[in-house]
Amino acid sequence: MPAIVGVAQVLTLGNSSVFHIGDVYKIMPFSNAKTFSGAGSFNTGERLNVENKVSSTNTIDPDTLDQGNFLNM
């Protein structure tokens, strides 16, 4: 079913962001990244109480290859 969309104002988009309004056939990223972060790294809020007693981040990736995006065009 087609979408009827009014005015949209986009101030900024990141390098690998996707902006879509209405019907869409295919959304594909053109870049990828791998992020390693410890416990409580991406917490946000006004009243945040994080207690990480003992924490370690496993960055070992034995297969070394992840799903690529080389077919995204």
C-alpha atoms as a PDB file:
ATOM      1  CA  MET A   1       0.000   0.000   0.000  1.00  0.00           C
ATOM      2  CA  PRO A   2       1.554   3.329  -0.992  1.00  0.00           C
ATOM      3  CA  ALA A   3       2.445   5.814   1.696  1.00  0.00           C
ATOM      4  CA  ILE A   4       1.536   9.488   1.593  1.00  0.00           C
ATOM      5  CA  VAL A   5       4.127  11.472   3.490  1.00  0.00           C
ATOM      6  CA  GLY A   6       4.086  15.159   4.332  1.00  0.00           C
ATOM      7  CA  VAL A   7       7.077  17.417   4.857  1.00  0.00           C
ATOM      8  CA  ALA A   8      10.238  15.885   6.341  1.00  0.00           C
ATOM      9  CA  GLN A   9      13.263  17.920   7.424  1.00  0.00           C
ATOM     10  CA  VAL A  10      16.565  16.086   7.779  1.00  0.00           C
ATOM     11  CA  LEU A  11      19.286  18.126   9.439  1.00  0.00           C
ATOM     12  CA  THR A  12      22.093  15.594   9.385  1.00  0.00           C
ATOM     13  CA  LEU A  13      22.795  11.941   8.622  1.00  0.00           C
ATOM     14  CA  GLY A  14      25.773   9.868   9.680  1.00  0.00           C
ATOM     15  CA  ASN A  15      28.125   8.075   7.290  1.00  0.00           C
ATOM     16  CA  SER A  16      26.378   4.713   7.448  1.00  0.00           C
ATOM     17  CA  SER A  17      22.903   5.867   8.436  1.00  0.00           C
ATOM     18  CA  VAL A  18      19.673   4.952   6.675  1.00  0.00           C
ATOM     19  CA  PHE A  19      16.795   7.395   6.149  1.00  0.00           C
ATOM     20  CA  HIS A  20      13.581   5.866   4.909  1.00  0.00           C
ATOM     21  CA  ILE A  21      10.025   7.114   4.681  1.00  0.00           C
ATOM     22  CA  GLY A  22       7.093   5.069   3.456  1.00  0.00           C
ATOM     23  CA  ASP A  23       7.329   1.899   1.431  1.00  0.00           C
ATOM     24  CA  VAL A  24      10.749   0.445   0.892  1.00  0.00           C
ATOM     25  CA  TYR A  25      11.989  -2.495  -1.177  1.00  0.00           C
ATOM     26  CA  LYS A  26      15.512  -2.927   0.098  1.00  0.00           C
ATOM     27  CA  ILE A  27      17.678  -1.218   2.737  1.00  0.00           C
ATOM     28  CA  MET A  28      21.369  -2.080   2.638  1.00  0.00           C
ATOM     29  CA  PRO A  29      24.296  -0.612   4.584  1.00  0.00           C
ATOM     30  CA  PHE A  30      27.412   0.459   2.705  1.00  0.00           C
ATOM     31  CA  SER A  31      29.765   0.203   5.685  1.00  0.00           C
ATOM     32  CA  ASN A  32      30.193  -1.968   8.736  1.00  0.00           C
ATOM     33  CA  ALA A  33      32.090  -1.866  12.000  1.00  0.00           C
ATOM     34  CA  LYS A  34      32.829  -4.095  14.954  1.00  0.00           C
ATOM     35  CA  THR A  35      32.640  -2.556  18.407  1.00  0.00           C
ATOM     36  CA  PHE A  36      33.995  -4.059  21.596  1.00  0.00           C
ATOM     37  CA  SER A  37      32.780  -2.484  24.826  1.00  0.00           C
ATOM     38  CA  GLY A  38      32.684  -3.490  28.449  1.00  0.00           C
ATOM     39  CA  ALA A  39      29.765  -3.812  30.819  1.00  0.00           C
ATOM     40  CA  GLY A  40      27.827  -0.581  31.230  1.00  0.00           C
ATOM     41  CA  SER A  41      29.516   1.175  28.326  1.00  0.00           C
ATOM     42  CA  PHE A  42      26.428   2.403  26.468  1.00  0.00           C
ATOM     43  CA  ASN A  43      24.176   3.163  29.427  1.00  0.00           C
ATOM     44  CA  THR A  44      22.337   6.479  29.253  1.00  0.00           C
ATOM     45  CA  GLY A  45      19.864   8.187  31.547  1.00  0.00           C
ATOM     46  CA  GLU A  46      19.416  10.801  34.225  1.00  0.00           C
ATOM     47  CA  ARG A  47      19.692   8.573  37.297  1.00  0.00           C
ATOM     48  CA  LEU A  48      22.082   5.794  36.471  1.00  0.00           C
ATOM     49  CA  ASN A  49      23.569   3.439  39.026  1.00  0.00           C
ATOM     50  CA  VAL A  50      25.847   0.837  37.473  1.00  0.00           C
ATOM     51  CA  GLU A  51      27.758  -1.631  39.640  1.00  0.00           C
ATOM     52  CA  ASN A  52      30.172  -3.798  37.689  1.00  0.00           C
ATOM     53  CA  LYS A  53      32.226  -5.736  40.192  1.00  0.00           C
ATOM     54  CA  VAL A  54      34.524  -7.718  37.909  1.00  0.00           C
ATOM     55  CA  SER A  55      34.172  -7.143  34.185  1.00  0.00           C
ATOM     56  CA  SER A  56      36.198  -8.126  31.147  1.00  0.00           C
ATOM     57  CA  THR A  57      35.471  -7.799  27.447  1.00  0.00           C
ATOM     58  CA  ASN A  58      36.273 -10.763  25.226  1.00  0.00           C
ATOM     59  CA  THR A  59      37.810  -9.417  22.008  1.00  0.00           C
ATOM     60  CA  ILE A  60      39.037 -12.771  20.711  1.00  0.00           C
ATOM     61  CA  ASP A  61      37.499 -13.559  17.318  1.00  0.00           C
ATOM     62  CA  PRO A  62      38.866 -16.941  16.199  1.00  0.00           C
ATOM     63  CA  ASP A  63      37.076 -17.040  12.821  1.00  0.00           C
ATOM     64  CA  THR A  64      38.423 -13.539  11.877  1.00  0.00           C
ATOM     65  CA  LEU A  65      35.766 -13.215   9.157  1.00  0.00           C
ATOM     66  CA  ASP A  66      32.330 -11.737   9.624  1.00  0.00           C
ATOM     67  CA  GLN A  67      29.457 -11.293   7.207  1.00  0.00           C
ATOM     68  CA  GLY A  68      30.517  -8.703   4.671  1.00  0.00           C
ATOM     69  CA  ASN A  69      28.503  -6.180   2.738  1.00  0.00           C
ATOM     70  CA  PHE A  70      30.351  -6.441  -0.588  1.00  0.00           C
ATOM     71  CA  LEU A  71      27.143  -7.322  -2.499  1.00  0.00           C
ATOM     72  CA  ASN A  72      25.284  -4.189  -1.338  1.00  0.00           C
ATOM     73  CA  MET A  73      24.930  -1.854  -4.290  1.00  0.00           C
END
